[in-house]
Protein backbone atom coordinates (compact mmCIF):
# COMPACT_ATOMS: atom_id res chain seq x y z
CA MET A 1 -123.79 -10.04 95.96
CA LYS A 2 -125.04 -7.53 93.37
CA SER A 3 -123.12 -4.78 95.66
CA VAL A 4 -119.79 -6.77 95.56
CA SER A 5 -120.18 -7.26 91.84
CA LEU A 6 -120.71 -3.38 91.38
CA LEU A 7 -117.69 -2.67 93.69
CA LEU A 8 -115.54 -4.82 91.39
CA LEU A 9 -116.73 -3.11 88.24
CA VAL A 10 -115.98 0.33 89.74
CA VAL A 11 -112.47 -0.84 90.72
CA LEU A 12 -111.65 -2.39 87.23
CA PHE A 13 -112.81 0.79 85.45
CA TYR A 14 -110.69 2.97 87.61
CA ALA A 15 -107.63 0.88 87.03
CA CYS A 16 -107.98 0.80 83.11
CA ASN A 17 -108.38 4.66 82.98
CA PRO A 18 -105.01 6.11 81.23
CA GLN A 19 -105.04 9.22 82.94
CA ASN A 20 -104.56 7.52 86.25
CA ILE A 21 -101.69 5.58 85.10
CA ARG A 22 -98.46 6.77 86.76
CA ARG A 23 -95.26 6.73 84.47
CA GLU A 24 -92.04 5.68 85.98
CA ARG A 25 -89.46 8.15 86.68
CA GLY A 26 -86.86 8.38 83.73
CA GLU A 27 -89.38 6.93 81.10
CA GLN A 28 -89.20 8.63 77.75
CA THR A 29 -91.85 9.01 75.08
CA GLN A 30 -90.99 8.77 71.42
CA ALA A 31 -92.76 9.94 68.64
CA PRO A 32 -94.39 7.44 66.03
CA PRO A 33 -92.43 6.72 62.87
CA ASP A 34 -95.41 8.40 60.80
CA SER A 35 -95.45 11.72 62.82
CA PHE A 36 -94.02 14.93 61.48
CA LEU A 37 -91.62 15.31 64.59
CA TYR A 38 -90.03 11.97 63.40
CA TYR A 39 -88.51 13.47 60.22
CA GLN A 40 -85.91 16.16 60.37
CA PRO A 41 -86.02 18.53 57.52
CA VAL A 42 -82.78 19.25 55.83
CA ALA A 43 -81.56 22.78 55.56
CA LEU A 44 -81.31 23.98 52.07
CA GLU A 45 -79.16 27.09 51.33
CA ASN A 46 -80.94 29.70 48.94
CA ALA A 47 -79.28 32.95 48.85
CA PHE A 48 -82.33 34.79 47.83
CA LEU A 49 -84.64 33.29 50.29
CA ASP A 50 -81.94 33.72 52.84
CA SER A 51 -81.50 37.44 51.94
CA MET A 52 -85.45 38.00 52.58
CA ASN A 53 -84.89 36.65 56.20
CA THR A 54 -81.66 38.63 56.74
CA LYS A 55 -81.67 42.03 58.86
CA TYR A 56 -81.17 44.99 56.82
CA ASP A 57 -77.85 45.90 58.56
CA GLN A 58 -76.28 42.71 57.14
CA GLU A 59 -74.87 42.25 53.71
CA VAL A 60 -75.79 39.27 51.38
CA SER A 61 -73.59 38.79 48.23
CA LEU A 62 -75.16 37.33 45.21
CA LYS A 63 -72.82 35.73 42.51
CA MET A 64 -73.96 36.37 39.03
CA ARG A 65 -72.13 36.02 35.49
CA ILE A 66 -73.00 38.60 33.16
CA VAL A 67 -72.16 37.93 29.41
CA PRO A 68 -71.89 41.08 27.28
CA PRO A 69 -73.52 41.25 23.95
CA PRO A 70 -71.18 40.44 20.80
CA PRO A 71 -69.67 43.59 19.37
CA PRO A 72 -71.24 45.07 16.35
CA PRO A 73 -69.93 43.98 12.85
CA ALA A 74 -67.06 46.25 11.54
CA PRO A 75 -68.03 48.51 8.77
CA LYS A 76 -67.32 47.33 5.28
CA VAL A 77 -66.77 50.84 3.75
CA LYS A 78 -65.42 54.24 4.85
CA LEU A 79 -65.74 57.88 3.64
CA VAL A 80 -62.81 59.50 2.06
CA ASP A 81 -62.45 62.49 -0.49
CA GLY A 82 -63.15 61.70 -3.87
CA PHE A 83 -65.20 62.52 -7.03
CA ARG A 84 -68.51 61.28 -8.39
CA ILE A 85 -70.63 61.97 -11.57
CA GLN A 86 -73.85 63.86 -11.11
CA LEU A 87 -76.33 62.82 -13.73
CA PHE A 88 -79.40 64.90 -12.60
CA ALA A 89 -80.74 67.28 -10.00
CA GLY A 90 -84.40 68.55 -9.68
CA ALA A 91 -87.06 69.49 -7.28
CA ASP A 92 -89.60 66.55 -8.33
CA SER A 93 -88.66 63.75 -6.15
CA MET A 94 -90.93 61.24 -8.24
CA ASN A 95 -89.35 62.10 -11.41
CA VAL A 96 -85.91 61.87 -10.01
CA LEU A 97 -86.46 58.62 -8.17
CA THR A 98 -87.84 57.13 -11.53
CA SER A 99 -84.64 58.21 -13.34
CA ALA A 100 -82.43 56.55 -10.57
CA GLU A 101 -84.22 53.30 -10.85
CA ASN A 102 -83.81 53.42 -14.65
CA ILE A 103 -80.28 54.24 -14.31
CA LYS A 104 -79.61 51.38 -11.92
CA ARG A 105 -81.00 48.92 -14.29
CA THR A 106 -78.85 50.35 -17.15
CA LEU A 107 -75.53 50.93 -15.45
CA SER A 108 -73.42 48.85 -13.51
CA ASP A 109 -72.02 51.77 -11.34
CA SER A 110 -73.08 52.59 -7.75
CA VAL A 111 -76.16 54.86 -8.04
CA TYR A 112 -76.78 57.36 -5.11
CA PHE A 113 -80.14 59.16 -4.70
CA PHE A 114 -80.51 61.76 -2.12
CA LYS A 115 -81.84 65.29 -1.23
CA GLU A 116 -79.58 68.09 -0.65
CA LYS A 117 -80.47 71.92 -0.39
CA ASN A 118 -83.97 71.21 -1.44
CA LEU A 119 -82.92 69.26 -4.55
CA PHE A 120 -83.15 65.68 -5.15
CA LYS A 121 -79.87 64.32 -6.74
CA ILE A 122 -78.50 61.36 -8.76
CA GLN A 123 -74.90 60.78 -8.54
CA LEU A 124 -72.80 57.65 -9.86
CA GLY A 125 -69.78 56.04 -8.96
CA ASP A 126 -66.70 56.37 -6.12
CA PHE A 127 -63.60 57.63 -7.92
CA LEU A 128 -60.47 58.34 -5.85
CA TYR A 129 -59.08 60.27 -8.77
CA ARG A 130 -60.43 62.94 -11.09
CA ASN A 131 -58.95 61.40 -14.07
CA ASP A 132 -60.96 58.33 -13.51
CA ALA A 133 -64.12 60.31 -13.23
CA ASP A 134 -63.47 62.26 -16.28
CA LEU A 135 -62.89 59.03 -18.32
CA ARG A 136 -66.16 57.72 -17.06
CA LEU A 137 -67.74 61.09 -17.84
CA MET A 138 -66.82 60.93 -21.50
CA ASP A 139 -68.26 57.47 -21.83
CA LEU A 140 -71.65 58.32 -20.07
CA ARG A 141 -71.79 61.42 -22.34
CA SER A 142 -71.36 59.32 -25.38
CA HIS A 143 -74.30 57.01 -24.14
CA GLY A 144 -77.22 59.41 -23.54
CA TYR A 145 -75.95 61.42 -20.62
CA PRO A 146 -74.92 64.68 -22.26
CA ALA A 147 -75.76 66.79 -19.15
CA ALA A 148 -73.46 64.90 -16.81
CA TRP A 149 -70.74 66.40 -14.78
CA VAL A 150 -68.15 65.67 -12.09
CA VAL A 151 -68.55 66.76 -8.52
CA LYS A 152 -66.00 66.60 -5.66
CA THR A 153 -67.58 65.01 -2.55
CA MET A 154 -67.14 62.19 -0.05
CA ILE A 155 -67.05 58.50 -1.56
CA ASN A 156 -67.40 55.07 -0.30
CA ILE A 157 -64.36 52.92 -0.63
CA PRO A 158 -64.01 49.47 1.02
CA VAL A 159 -62.20 49.28 4.39
CA ASP A 160 -60.37 46.03 3.29
CA SER A 161 -57.02 46.88 2.39
CA ALA A 162 -56.74 44.21 -0.33
CA THR A 163 -59.93 45.46 -1.94
CA THR A 164 -58.67 49.24 -1.56
CA SER A 165 -55.56 48.13 -3.26
CA ASN A 166 -57.40 46.82 -6.20
CA ILE A 167 -59.15 50.02 -6.74
CA GLN A 168 -55.91 51.76 -6.49
CA ALA A 169 -54.31 49.54 -8.87
CA ASP A 170 -57.31 49.83 -11.58
CA SER A 171 -56.77 53.36 -11.72
CA THR A 172 -55.70 54.68 -15.20
CA GLN A 173 -53.35 57.20 -13.48
CA VAL A 174 -51.84 56.60 -10.15
CA ILE A 175 -50.57 59.85 -8.65
CA SER A 176 -47.14 59.33 -7.25
CA GLN A 177 -46.25 60.98 -3.84
CA ASP A 178 -43.15 62.44 -5.23
CA ALA A 179 -44.80 64.07 -8.24
CA LYS A 180 -43.69 67.80 -7.69
CA PHE A 181 -43.68 69.18 -11.30
CA LYS A 182 -46.83 69.83 -13.54
CA ILE A 183 -47.38 71.89 -16.71
CA GLN A 184 -49.89 74.69 -16.73
CA VAL A 185 -51.17 74.75 -20.46
CA LEU A 186 -53.38 77.86 -20.21
CA VAL A 187 -55.85 79.85 -18.16
CA THR A 188 -59.66 80.41 -19.43
CA SER A 189 -62.75 82.06 -17.74
CA SER A 190 -65.01 79.37 -19.66
CA ILE A 191 -65.59 76.25 -17.67
CA GLU A 192 -66.76 74.68 -20.83
CA LYS A 193 -63.43 75.55 -22.73
CA ALA A 194 -61.54 74.14 -19.70
CA GLU A 195 -63.30 70.85 -19.90
CA ASN A 196 -62.76 70.73 -23.77
CA VAL A 197 -59.19 71.41 -23.44
CA VAL A 198 -58.68 68.90 -20.70
CA GLU A 199 -60.14 65.97 -22.77
CA GLN A 200 -58.22 67.05 -25.65
CA LEU A 201 -55.06 66.78 -23.55
CA LYS A 202 -55.87 63.57 -22.27
CA ALA A 203 -56.37 62.09 -25.73
CA GLN A 204 -53.14 63.76 -27.45
CA PHE A 205 -50.63 63.22 -24.63
CA LYS A 206 -52.03 60.20 -22.73
CA GLN A 207 -51.39 62.21 -19.28
CA GLU A 208 -53.38 63.19 -16.50
CA SER A 209 -55.05 66.52 -17.20
CA TYR A 210 -57.28 68.53 -14.92
CA PHE A 211 -58.34 72.13 -14.22
CA ILE A 212 -58.56 74.15 -10.99
CA LYS A 213 -60.81 77.01 -10.29
CA SER A 214 -59.00 80.19 -9.12
CA GLY A 215 -61.30 83.14 -8.49
CA THR A 216 -63.12 83.61 -11.90
CA PHE A 217 -60.69 81.51 -13.85
CA TYR A 218 -59.91 78.02 -14.49
CA LYS A 219 -56.31 76.89 -14.57
CA ILE A 220 -55.57 73.82 -16.75
CA TYR A 221 -52.86 71.53 -15.93
CA LEU A 222 -51.29 68.68 -17.49
CA GLY A 223 -49.36 65.72 -15.92
CA ARG A 224 -47.69 65.05 -12.40
CA PHE A 225 -43.94 64.34 -12.77
CA GLY A 226 -41.40 63.33 -10.26
CA ALA A 227 -38.20 64.43 -12.36
CA ARG A 228 -37.89 67.83 -13.73
CA GLU A 229 -36.03 66.27 -16.78
CA GLN A 230 -39.32 64.53 -17.64
CA ALA A 231 -41.52 67.44 -17.11
CA GLU A 232 -39.39 69.69 -19.44
CA LYS A 233 -39.53 67.06 -22.26
CA THR A 234 -43.24 66.92 -22.16
CA LEU A 235 -43.27 70.69 -21.95
CA ILE A 236 -41.59 70.83 -25.18
CA GLN A 237 -44.10 68.45 -26.87
CA VAL A 238 -46.96 70.77 -25.22
CA LYS A 239 -45.65 73.83 -26.97
CA THR A 240 -45.02 72.06 -30.21
CA ALA A 241 -48.65 70.83 -30.47
CA GLY A 242 -49.64 74.57 -30.14
CA TYR A 243 -49.85 75.57 -26.53
CA SER A 244 -47.13 78.21 -26.78
CA ASP A 245 -47.95 79.85 -23.42
CA ALA A 246 -47.56 76.54 -21.42
CA TRP A 247 -44.98 76.49 -18.50
CA LEU A 248 -43.50 74.39 -15.99
CA VAL A 249 -44.92 74.86 -12.35
CA TYR A 250 -44.16 73.10 -8.99
């Protein structure tokens, strides 16, 4: 009886062993829902990662939008030939700088402080015409700057056409492009005399007056006239005023 029971247990154990269960032909296995094989990953396109996996003989194009930086602002002033009034020039930078600060607080004109040829200089104003610079020079000399003088240099004028037109309109004497005639009053070798005569002519005839250096001499001129008749009338007045050697040039 014991042997029969033991035999039945052996047969039952053998029948329950999963390795000995034969699968029927055509039966398919399927992964459980929580298995990794059950979920199929979605392929995502990434140009950068794809380029890392691409062979060297293949080209991968990347699209990129490049935004250029904004252009620099347009300049507000430009440099042109003109005149300034030089108030001081010296080798002591601190002394000149202190004078420049005092001038800025006192005067409303543009003040320039710079170094040129081992000298520190102070210049004032931006004048398109010599006549305007001379008038301002007279005013400065009567207000405590007797040693000031006019220099020809590059000046700053506004780029805006409207502002530039205002500057030209404010000029006491606008030079006409058709001005062909002028009066040469006299010639002198002294710059001090030339400056004094110029100021006298301006005050007496209410005309533009200036001098030009020619070699060692200074030629003094009066007026700019578009018509010869007008120039000849003024020439008569100049000779009557005592400048008998004056003559008309063009």
